[in-house]
C-alpha atoms as a PDB file:
ATOM      1  CA  UNK A   1      30.734  47.847 113.801  1.00  0.00           C
ATOM      2  CA  UNK A   2      34.071  46.954 112.223  1.00  0.00           C
ATOM      3  CA  UNK A   3      36.627  49.764 112.483  1.00  0.00           C
ATOM      4  CA  UNK A   4      38.840  50.121 109.397  1.00  0.00           C
ATOM      5  CA  UNK A   5      41.588  52.683 108.781  1.00  0.00           C
ATOM      6  CA  UNK A   6      42.943  53.187 105.268  1.00  0.00           C
ATOM      7  CA  UNK A   7      45.977  55.220 104.259  1.00  0.00           C
ATOM      8  CA  UNK A   8      44.902  56.488 100.809  1.00  0.00           C
ATOM      9  CA  UNK A   9      41.737  57.834  99.226  1.00  0.00           C
ATOM     10  CA  UNK A  10      41.539  54.884  96.839  1.00  0.00           C
ATOM     11  CA  UNK A  11      41.691  52.384  99.693  1.00  0.00           C
ATOM     12  CA  UNK A  12      39.100  54.373 101.645  1.00  0.00           C
ATOM     13  CA  UNK A  13      36.615  54.096  98.784  1.00  0.00           C
ATOM     14  CA  UNK A  14      37.351  50.390  98.268  1.00  0.00           C
ATOM     15  CA  UNK A  15      36.960  49.627 101.985  1.00  0.00           C
ATOM     16  CA  UNK A  16      33.581  51.365 102.031  1.00  0.00           C
ATOM     17  CA  UNK A  17      32.448  49.342  99.029  1.00  0.00           C
ATOM     18  CA  UNK A  18      33.456  46.041 100.617  1.00  0.00           C
ATOM     19  CA  UNK A  19      32.428  46.902 104.168  1.00  0.00           C
ATOM     20  CA  UNK A  20      29.105  48.457 103.233  1.00  0.00           C
ATOM     21  CA  UNK A  21      27.059  49.016 106.370  1.00  0.00           C
ATOM     22  CA  UNK A  22      29.244  46.669 108.410  1.00  0.00           C
ATOM     23  CA  UNK A  23      32.356  48.875 108.508  1.00  0.00           C
ATOM     24  CA  UNK A  24      33.185  52.359 109.713  1.00  0.00           C
ATOM     25  CA  UNK A  25      36.088  53.548 107.548  1.00  0.00           C
ATOM     26  CA  UNK A  26      38.535  56.308 108.478  1.00  0.00           C
ATOM     27  CA  UNK A  27      40.772  57.561 105.688  1.00  0.00           C
ATOM     28  CA  UNK A  28      44.097  59.076 106.720  1.00  0.00           C
ATOM     29  CA  UNK A  29      44.685  60.903 103.435  1.00  0.00           C
ATOM     30  CA  UNK A  30      42.001  63.241 102.198  1.00  0.00           C
ATOM     31  CA  UNK A  31      41.101  64.026  98.548  1.00  0.00           C
ATOM     32  CA  UNK A  32      43.671  65.927  96.478  1.00  0.00           C
ATOM     33  CA  UNK A  33      46.397  65.457  99.128  1.00  0.00           C
ATOM     34  CA  UNK A  34      49.693  64.086  97.815  1.00  0.00           C
ATOM     35  CA  UNK A  35      50.390  60.736  99.555  1.00  0.00           C
ATOM     36  CA  UNK A  36      54.153  60.878  98.988  1.00  0.00           C
ATOM     37  CA  UNK A  37      54.715  63.706 101.461  1.00  0.00           C
ATOM     38  CA  UNK A  38      52.241  63.656 104.344  1.00  0.00           C
ATOM     39  CA  UNK A  39      52.439  64.437 108.073  1.00  0.00           C
ATOM     40  CA  UNK A  40      49.900  62.383 110.086  1.00  0.00           C
ATOM     41  CA  UNK A  41      47.716  64.255 112.569  1.00  0.00           C
ATOM     42  CA  UNK A  42      46.853  63.354 116.185  1.00  0.00           C
ATOM     43  CA  UNK A  43      43.435  62.229 114.911  1.00  0.00           C
ATOM     44  CA  UNK A  44      45.169  59.851 112.494  1.00  0.00           C
ATOM     45  CA  UNK A  45      47.222  58.339 115.314  1.00  0.00           C
ATOM     46  CA  UNK A  46      44.123  57.884 117.462  1.00  0.00           C
ATOM     47  CA  UNK A  47      42.222  56.172 114.641  1.00  0.00           C
ATOM     48  CA  UNK A  48      45.149  53.846 113.899  1.00  0.00           C
ATOM     49  CA  UNK A  49      45.471  52.894 117.564  1.00  0.00           C
ATOM     50  CA  UNK A  50      41.790  51.877 117.786  1.00  0.00           C
ATOM     51  CA  UNK A  51      41.345  50.191 114.395  1.00  0.00           C
ATOM     52  CA  UNK A  52      40.414  46.534 113.921  1.00  0.00           C
ATOM     53  CA  UNK A  53      41.971  46.575 110.433  1.00  0.00           C
ATOM     54  CA  UNK A  54      44.555  48.954 108.966  1.00  0.00           C
ATOM     55  CA  UNK A  55      45.057  48.885 105.195  1.00  0.00           C
ATOM     56  CA  UNK A  56      48.077  50.436 103.498  1.00  0.00           C
ATOM     57  CA  UNK A  57      48.862  50.638  99.799  1.00  0.00           C
ATOM     58  CA  UNK A  58      52.419  49.414 100.222  1.00  0.00           C
ATOM     59  CA  UNK A  59      55.297  49.535  97.707  1.00  0.00           C
ATOM     60  CA  UNK A  60      56.750  52.423  99.754  1.00  0.00           C
ATOM     61  CA  UNK A  61      53.973  54.849  98.774  1.00  0.00           C
ATOM     62  CA  UNK A  62      53.424  55.885 102.390  1.00  0.00           C
ATOM     63  CA  UNK A  63      56.933  56.878 103.470  1.00  0.00           C
ATOM     64  CA  UNK A  64      55.480  58.088 106.757  1.00  0.00           C
ATOM     65  CA  UNK A  65      53.697  54.840 107.625  1.00  0.00           C
ATOM     66  CA  UNK A  66      56.262  52.881 109.639  1.00  0.00           C
ATOM     67  CA  UNK A  67      57.121  55.708 112.036  1.00  0.00           C
ATOM     68  CA  UNK A  68      53.440  56.550 112.433  1.00  0.00           C
ATOM     69  CA  UNK A  69      52.550  52.952 113.288  1.00  0.00           C
ATOM     70  CA  UNK A  70      55.261  52.859 115.946  1.00  0.00           C
ATOM     71  CA  UNK A  71      53.772  55.983 117.511  1.00  0.00           C
ATOM     72  CA  UNK A  72      50.195  54.704 117.340  1.00  0.00           C
ATOM     73  CA  UNK A  73      50.912  51.186 118.706  1.00  0.00           C
ATOM     74  CA  UNK A  74      47.827  49.651 117.057  1.00  0.00           C
ATOM     75  CA  UNK A  75      46.269  46.353 118.148  1.00  0.00           C
ATOM     76  CA  UNK A  76      44.503  45.568 114.860  1.00  0.00           C
ATOM     77  CA  UNK A  77      45.640  43.754 111.723  1.00  0.00           C
ATOM     78  CA  UNK A  78      47.886  45.616 109.309  1.00  0.00           C
ATOM     79  CA  UNK A  79      47.168  44.680 105.705  1.00  0.00           C
ATOM     80  CA  UNK A  80      49.346  45.455 102.682  1.00  0.00           C
ATOM     81  CA  UNK A  81      46.998  45.907  99.712  1.00  0.00           C
ATOM     82  CA  UNK A  82      49.819  45.278  97.220  1.00  0.00           C
ATOM     83  CA  UNK A  83      50.147  41.660  98.375  1.00  0.00           C
ATOM     84  CA  UNK A  84      49.815  39.286  95.411  1.00  0.00           C
ATOM     85  CA  UNK A  85      50.233  42.003  92.774  1.00  0.00           C
ATOM     86  CA  UNK A  86      53.030  42.002  90.194  1.00  0.00           C
ATOM     87  CA  UNK A  87      54.911  45.261  90.797  1.00  0.00           C
ATOM     88  CA  UNK A  88      56.268  47.337  87.913  1.00  0.00           C
ATOM     89  CA  UNK A  89      59.906  48.382  88.256  1.00  0.00           C
ATOM     90  CA  UNK A  90      61.555  51.600  87.178  1.00  0.00           C
ATOM     91  CA  UNK A  91      64.922  51.800  85.436  1.00  0.00           C
ATOM     92  CA  UNK A  92      66.577  51.940  88.857  1.00  0.00           C
ATOM     93  CA  UNK A  93      64.666  48.889  90.088  1.00  0.00           C
ATOM     94  CA  UNK A  94      62.370  50.937  92.302  1.00  0.00           C
ATOM     95  CA  UNK A  95      58.835  49.579  92.648  1.00  0.00           C
ATOM     96  CA  UNK A  96      55.958  51.590  91.196  1.00  0.00           C
ATOM     97  CA  UNK A  97      53.400  52.085  93.998  1.00  0.00           C
ATOM     98  CA  UNK A  98      50.528  53.304  91.779  1.00  0.00           C
ATOM     99  CA  UNK A  99      49.012  49.827  91.604  1.00  0.00           C
ATOM    100  CA  UNK A 100      45.364  50.959  91.523  1.00  0.00           C
ATOM    101  CA  UNK A 101      45.561  52.289  87.961  1.00  0.00           C
ATOM    102  CA  UNK A 102      44.956  48.746  86.686  1.00  0.00           C
ATOM    103  CA  UNK A 103      41.443  47.497  87.616  1.00  0.00           C
ATOM    104  CA  UNK A 104      42.675  43.912  87.645  1.00  0.00           C
ATOM    105  CA  UNK A 105      45.072  44.856  90.436  1.00  0.00           C
ATOM    106  CA  UNK A 106      42.190  46.457  92.317  1.00  0.00           C
ATOM    107  CA  UNK A 107      40.278  43.183  92.071  1.00  0.00           C
ATOM    108  CA  UNK A 108      43.153  41.556  93.968  1.00  0.00           C
ATOM    109  CA  UNK A 109      43.320  44.453  96.432  1.00  0.00           C
ATOM    110  CA  UNK A 110      39.646  44.246  97.396  1.00  0.00           C
ATOM    111  CA  UNK A 111      39.910  40.487  97.825  1.00  0.00           C
ATOM    112  CA  UNK A 112      42.827  40.972 100.223  1.00  0.00           C
ATOM    113  CA  UNK A 113      40.839  43.603 102.118  1.00  0.00           C
ATOM    114  CA  UNK A 114      37.717  41.418 102.308  1.00  0.00           C
ATOM    115  CA  UNK A 115      39.694  38.543 103.803  1.00  0.00           C
ATOM    116  CA  UNK A 116      41.171  40.765 106.500  1.00  0.00           C
ATOM    117  CA  UNK A 117      37.814  42.332 107.322  1.00  0.00           C
ATOM    118  CA  UNK A 118      36.232  38.879 107.440  1.00  0.00           C
ATOM    119  CA  UNK A 119      38.862  37.688 109.933  1.00  0.00           C
ATOM    120  CA  UNK A 120      38.152  40.700 112.141  1.00  0.00           C
ATOM    121  CA  UNK A 121      34.362  40.332 111.897  1.00  0.00           C
ATOM    122  CA  UNK A 122      33.465  36.717 111.032  1.00  0.00           C
ATOM    123  CA  UNK A 123      29.791  37.405 111.718  1.00  0.00           C
ATOM    124  CA  UNK A 124      29.790  39.742 108.700  1.00  0.00           C
ATOM    125  CA  UNK A 125      31.643  37.363 106.360  1.00  0.00           C
ATOM    126  CA  UNK A 126      28.667  36.536 104.118  1.00  0.00           C
ATOM    127  CA  UNK A 127      27.818  40.216 103.568  1.00  0.00           C
ATOM    128  CA  UNK A 128      31.442  41.110 102.875  1.00  0.00           C
ATOM    129  CA  UNK A 129      31.738  38.302 100.336  1.00  0.00           C
ATOM    130  CA  UNK A 130      28.596  39.460  98.501  1.00  0.00           C
ATOM    131  CA  UNK A 131      29.882  43.034  98.432  1.00  0.00           C
ATOM    132  CA  UNK A 132      33.204  41.780  97.066  1.00  0.00           C
ATOM    133  CA  UNK A 133      31.558  39.800  94.271  1.00  0.00           C
ATOM    134  CA  UNK A 134      29.339  42.745  93.298  1.00  0.00           C
ATOM    135  CA  UNK A 135      32.274  45.145  93.190  1.00  0.00           C
ATOM    136  CA  UNK A 136      34.538  42.802  91.262  1.00  0.00           C
ATOM    137  CA  UNK A 137      31.812  42.505  88.614  1.00  0.00           C
ATOM    138  CA  UNK A 138      31.788  46.313  88.285  1.00  0.00           C
ATOM    139  CA  UNK A 139      35.571  46.269  87.882  1.00  0.00           C
ATOM    140  CA  UNK A 140      35.349  43.708  85.074  1.00  0.00           C
ATOM    141  CA  UNK A 141      32.793  45.841  83.253  1.00  0.00           C
ATOM    142  CA  UNK A 142      34.815  49.044  83.675  1.00  0.00           C
ATOM    143  CA  UNK A 143      37.981  47.297  82.483  1.00  0.00           C
ATOM    144  CA  UNK A 144      36.316  46.016  79.317  1.00  0.00           C
ATOM    145  CA  UNK A 145      34.817  49.424  78.559  1.00  0.00           C
ATOM    146  CA  UNK A 146      38.145  51.231  78.951  1.00  0.00           C
ATOM    147  CA  UNK A 147      39.967  48.690  76.791  1.00  0.00           C
ATOM    148  CA  UNK A 148      37.465  49.250  73.976  1.00  0.00           C
ATOM    149  CA  UNK A 149      37.665  53.049  74.146  1.00  0.00           C
ATOM    150  CA  UNK A 150      41.447  53.284  74.408  1.00  0.00           C
ATOM    151  CA  UNK A 151      41.842  50.651  71.682  1.00  0.00           C
ATOM    152  CA  UNK A 152      40.194  52.976  69.143  1.00  0.00           C
ATOM    153  CA  UNK A 153      42.910  55.645  69.488  1.00  0.00           C
ATOM    154  CA  UNK A 154      45.089  56.233  66.424  1.00  0.00           C
ATOM    155  CA  UNK A 155      47.504  58.437  68.412  1.00  0.00           C
ATOM    156  CA  UNK A 156      48.004  56.937  71.852  1.00  0.00           C
ATOM    157  CA  UNK A 157      51.132  58.800  72.984  1.00  0.00           C
ATOM    158  CA  UNK A 158      50.893  59.965  76.587  1.00  0.00           C
ATOM    159  CA  UNK A 159      52.816  62.570  78.618  1.00  0.00           C
ATOM    160  CA  UNK A 160      51.865  63.003  82.282  1.00  0.00           C
ATOM    161  CA  UNK A 161      52.932  65.207  85.176  1.00  0.00           C
ATOM    162  CA  UNK A 162      54.792  62.432  86.998  1.00  0.00           C
ATOM    163  CA  UNK A 163      55.250  58.726  86.397  1.00  0.00           C
ATOM    164  CA  UNK A 164      51.995  57.633  88.048  1.00  0.00           C
ATOM    165  CA  UNK A 165      50.102  55.898  85.238  1.00  0.00           C
ATOM    166  CA  UNK A 166      52.412  53.057  84.277  1.00  0.00           C
ATOM    167  CA  UNK A 167      49.969  50.316  85.255  1.00  0.00           C
ATOM    168  CA  UNK A 168      47.196  51.960  83.211  1.00  0.00           C
ATOM    169  CA  UNK A 169      49.539  52.537  80.265  1.00  0.00           C
ATOM    170  CA  UNK A 170      50.838  48.956  80.264  1.00  0.00           C
ATOM    171  CA  UNK A 171      47.411  47.385  80.757  1.00  0.00           C
ATOM    172  CA  UNK A 172      45.684  49.330  77.976  1.00  0.00           C
ATOM    173  CA  UNK A 173      48.579  49.491  75.507  1.00  0.00           C
ATOM    174  CA  UNK A 174      49.255  53.230  75.479  1.00  0.00           C
ATOM    175  CA  UNK A 175      52.614  54.621  74.314  1.00  0.00           C
ATOM    176  CA  UNK A 176      54.328  56.399  77.202  1.00  0.00           C
ATOM    177  CA  UNK A 177      56.481  59.254  75.871  1.00  0.00           C
ATOM    178  CA  UNK A 178      57.511  60.417  79.346  1.00  0.00           C
ATOM    179  CA  UNK A 179      56.561  62.466  82.378  1.00  0.00           C
ATOM    180  CA  UNK A 180      57.358  66.015  83.447  1.00  0.00           C
ATOM    181  CA  UNK A 181      58.761  64.679  86.724  1.00  0.00           C
ATOM    182  CA  UNK A 182      60.557  61.473  85.640  1.00  0.00           C
ATOM    183  CA  UNK A 183      59.918  59.660  88.912  1.00  0.00           C
ATOM    184  CA  UNK A 184      57.270  57.685  90.791  1.00  0.00           C
ATOM    185  CA  UNK A 185      57.651  60.299  93.571  1.00  0.00           C
ATOM    186  CA  UNK A 186      56.245  63.809  93.128  1.00  0.00           C
ATOM    187  CA  UNK A 187      58.913  65.290  95.405  1.00  0.00           C
ATOM    188  CA  UNK A 188      61.755  64.386  93.011  1.00  0.00           C
ATOM    189  CA  UNK A 189      63.852  67.299  91.799  1.00  0.00           C
ATOM    190  CA  UNK A 190      63.479  68.340  88.159  1.00  0.00           C
ATOM    191  CA  UNK A 191      66.577  69.456  86.245  1.00  0.00           C
ATOM    192  CA  UNK A 192      66.855  71.746  83.208  1.00  0.00           C
ATOM    193  CA  UNK A 193      68.229  68.811  81.205  1.00  0.00           C
ATOM    194  CA  UNK A 194      65.179  66.705  82.032  1.00  0.00           C
ATOM    195  CA  UNK A 195      62.850  69.521  80.976  1.00  0.00           C
ATOM    196  CA  UNK A 196      64.719  69.849  77.677  1.00  0.00           C
ATOM    197  CA  UNK A 197      64.594  66.069  77.191  1.00  0.00           C
ATOM    198  CA  UNK A 198      60.822  65.731  77.607  1.00  0.00           C
ATOM    199  CA  UNK A 199      60.213  68.776  75.383  1.00  0.00           C
ATOM    200  CA  UNK A 200      62.345  67.208  72.638  1.00  0.00           C
ATOM    201  CA  UNK A 201      60.494  63.894  72.963  1.00  0.00           C
ATOM    202  CA  UNK A 202      57.109  65.627  72.702  1.00  0.00           C
ATOM    203  CA  UNK A 203      58.107  67.361  69.488  1.00  0.00           C
ATOM    204  CA  UNK A 204      59.727  64.271  67.975  1.00  0.00           C
ATOM    205  CA  UNK A 205      56.836  61.895  68.656  1.00  0.00           C
ATOM    206  CA  UNK A 206      53.903  64.075  67.641  1.00  0.00           C
ATOM    207  CA  UNK A 207      52.391  63.938  71.099  1.00  0.00           C
ATOM    208  CA  UNK A 208      49.133  65.886  71.201  1.00  0.00           C
ATOM    209  CA  UNK A 209      48.774  66.872  74.872  1.00  0.00           C
ATOM    210  CA  UNK A 210      50.421  67.023  78.275  1.00  0.00           C
ATOM    211  CA  UNK A 211      48.178  65.811  81.102  1.00  0.00           C
ATOM    212  CA  UNK A 212      48.488  67.476  84.503  1.00  0.00           C
ATOM    213  CA  UNK A 213      47.225  65.936  87.758  1.00  0.00           C
ATOM    214  CA  UNK A 214      44.692  67.088  90.314  1.00  0.00           C
ATOM    215  CA  UNK A 215      47.089  66.967  93.289  1.00  0.00           C
ATOM    216  CA  UNK A 216      50.004  68.748  91.563  1.00  0.00           C
ATOM    217  CA  UNK A 217      50.380  72.385  90.475  1.00  0.00           C
ATOM    218  CA  UNK A 218      50.275  72.618  86.644  1.00  0.00           C
ATOM    219  CA  UNK A 219      52.913  75.354  86.271  1.00  0.00           C
ATOM    220  CA  UNK A 220      55.766  73.177  84.983  1.00  0.00           C
ATOM    221  CA  UNK A 221      53.460  71.218  82.674  1.00  0.00           C
ATOM    222  CA  UNK A 222      52.093  74.482  81.282  1.00  0.00           C
ATOM    223  CA  UNK A 223      55.603  75.832  80.677  1.00  0.00           C
ATOM    224  CA  UNK A 224      56.630  72.662  78.840  1.00  0.00           C
ATOM    225  CA  UNK A 225      53.411  72.615  76.854  1.00  0.00           C
ATOM    226  CA  UNK A 226      54.032  76.185  75.748  1.00  0.00           C
ATOM    227  CA  UNK A 227      57.641  75.419  74.819  1.00  0.00           C
ATOM    228  CA  UNK A 228      56.628  72.307  72.862  1.00  0.00           C
ATOM    229  CA  UNK A 229      53.645  73.990  71.252  1.00  0.00           C
ATOM    230  CA  UNK A 230      50.949  71.568  72.476  1.00  0.00           C
ATOM    231  CA  UNK A 231      47.963  71.886  74.790  1.00  0.00           C
ATOM    232  CA  UNK A 232      48.081  71.145  78.501  1.00  0.00           C
ATOM    233  CA  UNK A 233      45.096  69.377  80.032  1.00  0.00           C
ATOM    234  CA  UNK A 234      44.573  70.945  83.457  1.00  0.00           C
ATOM    235  CA  UNK A 235      41.931  72.351  85.788  1.00  0.00           C
ATOM    236  CA  UNK A 236      38.754  70.279  85.993  1.00  0.00           C
ATOM    237  CA  UNK A 237      40.126  67.947  83.309  1.00  0.00           C
ATOM    238  CA  UNK A 238      43.334  67.161  85.207  1.00  0.00           C
ATOM    239  CA  UNK A 239      43.888  63.448  85.716  1.00  0.00           C
ATOM    240  CA  UNK A 240      43.465  61.852  89.119  1.00  0.00           C
ATOM    241  CA  UNK A 241      46.870  60.278  89.675  1.00  0.00           C
ATOM    242  CA  UNK A 242      47.829  59.900  93.326  1.00  0.00           C
ATOM    243  CA  UNK A 243      44.472  60.743  94.873  1.00  0.00           C
ATOM    244  CA  UNK A 244      40.745  60.642  94.302  1.00  0.00           C
ATOM    245  CA  UNK A 245      38.753  63.852  94.165  1.00  0.00           C
ATOM    246  CA  UNK A 246      36.279  65.253  96.694  1.00  0.00           C
ATOM    247  CA  UNK A 247      32.916  63.574  97.169  1.00  0.00           C
ATOM    248  CA  UNK A 248      30.608  64.464  94.286  1.00  0.00           C
ATOM    249  CA  UNK A 249      33.449  65.252  91.871  1.00  0.00           C
ATOM    250  CA  UNK A 250      34.254  63.270  88.717  1.00  0.00           C
ATOM    251  CA  UNK A 251      36.988  61.542  90.717  1.00  0.00           C
ATOM    252  CA  UNK A 252      34.969  61.080  93.897  1.00  0.00           C
ATOM    253  CA  UNK A 253      35.154  57.266  93.796  1.00  0.00           C
ATOM    254  CA  UNK A 254      37.598  54.803  92.281  1.00  0.00           C
ATOM    255  CA  UNK A 255      35.226  53.854  89.450  1.00  0.00           C
ATOM    256  CA  UNK A 256      34.444  57.520  88.744  1.00  0.00           C
ATOM    257  CA  UNK A 257      38.185  58.225  88.653  1.00  0.00           C
ATOM    258  CA  UNK A 258      38.693  55.514  86.020  1.00  0.00           C
ATOM    259  CA  UNK A 259      35.849  56.952  83.946  1.00  0.00           C
ATOM    260  CA  UNK A 260      37.125  60.533  84.251  1.00  0.00           C
ATOM    261  CA  UNK A 261      40.732  59.685  83.392  1.00  0.00           C
ATOM    262  CA  UNK A 262      39.709  57.583  80.406  1.00  0.00           C
ATOM    263  CA  UNK A 263      37.271  60.196  79.117  1.00  0.00           C
ATOM    264  CA  UNK A 264      39.939  62.917  79.373  1.00  0.00           C
ATOM    265  CA  UNK A 265      42.721  60.848  77.812  1.00  0.00           C
ATOM    266  CA  UNK A 266      40.613  59.553  74.922  1.00  0.00           C
ATOM    267  CA  UNK A 267      38.985  62.949  74.344  1.00  0.00           C
ATOM    268  CA  UNK A 268      42.301  64.761  74.077  1.00  0.00           C
ATOM    269  CA  UNK A 269      44.151  62.146  72.021  1.00  0.00           C
ATOM    270  CA  UNK A 270      41.381  61.447  69.510  1.00  0.00           C
END
């Protein structure tokens, strides 16, 4: 059995799809845990040390990864899932790590993962390749469906909790007004001037809703929504930004996450 360790919930789901019954997948991050600020456990170190393949998101999402790898001293391959993907850049030139919010990027990610898993377990190569083809077909279908639904919106202005949805916004042609935390990183400090700025933008653009995220407390979003006089989408309807949801939830897999986020965005902007 191929042993695979993944750093994020999205990668864990993708590795299980590609590996099928040929891979045992250990996910370091668990559902609804913020990946930007994580302290690996002894169990994480043990899994990393024993893995045949280790998959990270890359683009500096896992700030803890390099030190953790040094401690674990793994013997397996380390794979960067962002390899081959065109990275968005912020105003300061920083790379946007939230690459999975574009299904076309995920198609590249699973191909990179399949190649690494095939190198580690060549006897399973044919099965892995079939799983890859099946999953990529599902991604194509989901992508086309989302493009149709988002394309019908008359008001497509989006405000989110932090700047996590840029790949989705760019790919589907939404109009990004701004984010409550104007950073790719959820740990960034928020100033009074920034709060005033996003509130002004919401009022000026006719934005209909502020979307909170499942892994972030909604307090600041709710305060801004109240100040700007618009609804805040939170609770069970919160978007899955940095993490998938628990098994069985509307964000329990990558494809379910895409469906949930699209349903919530379209439903609240229509």
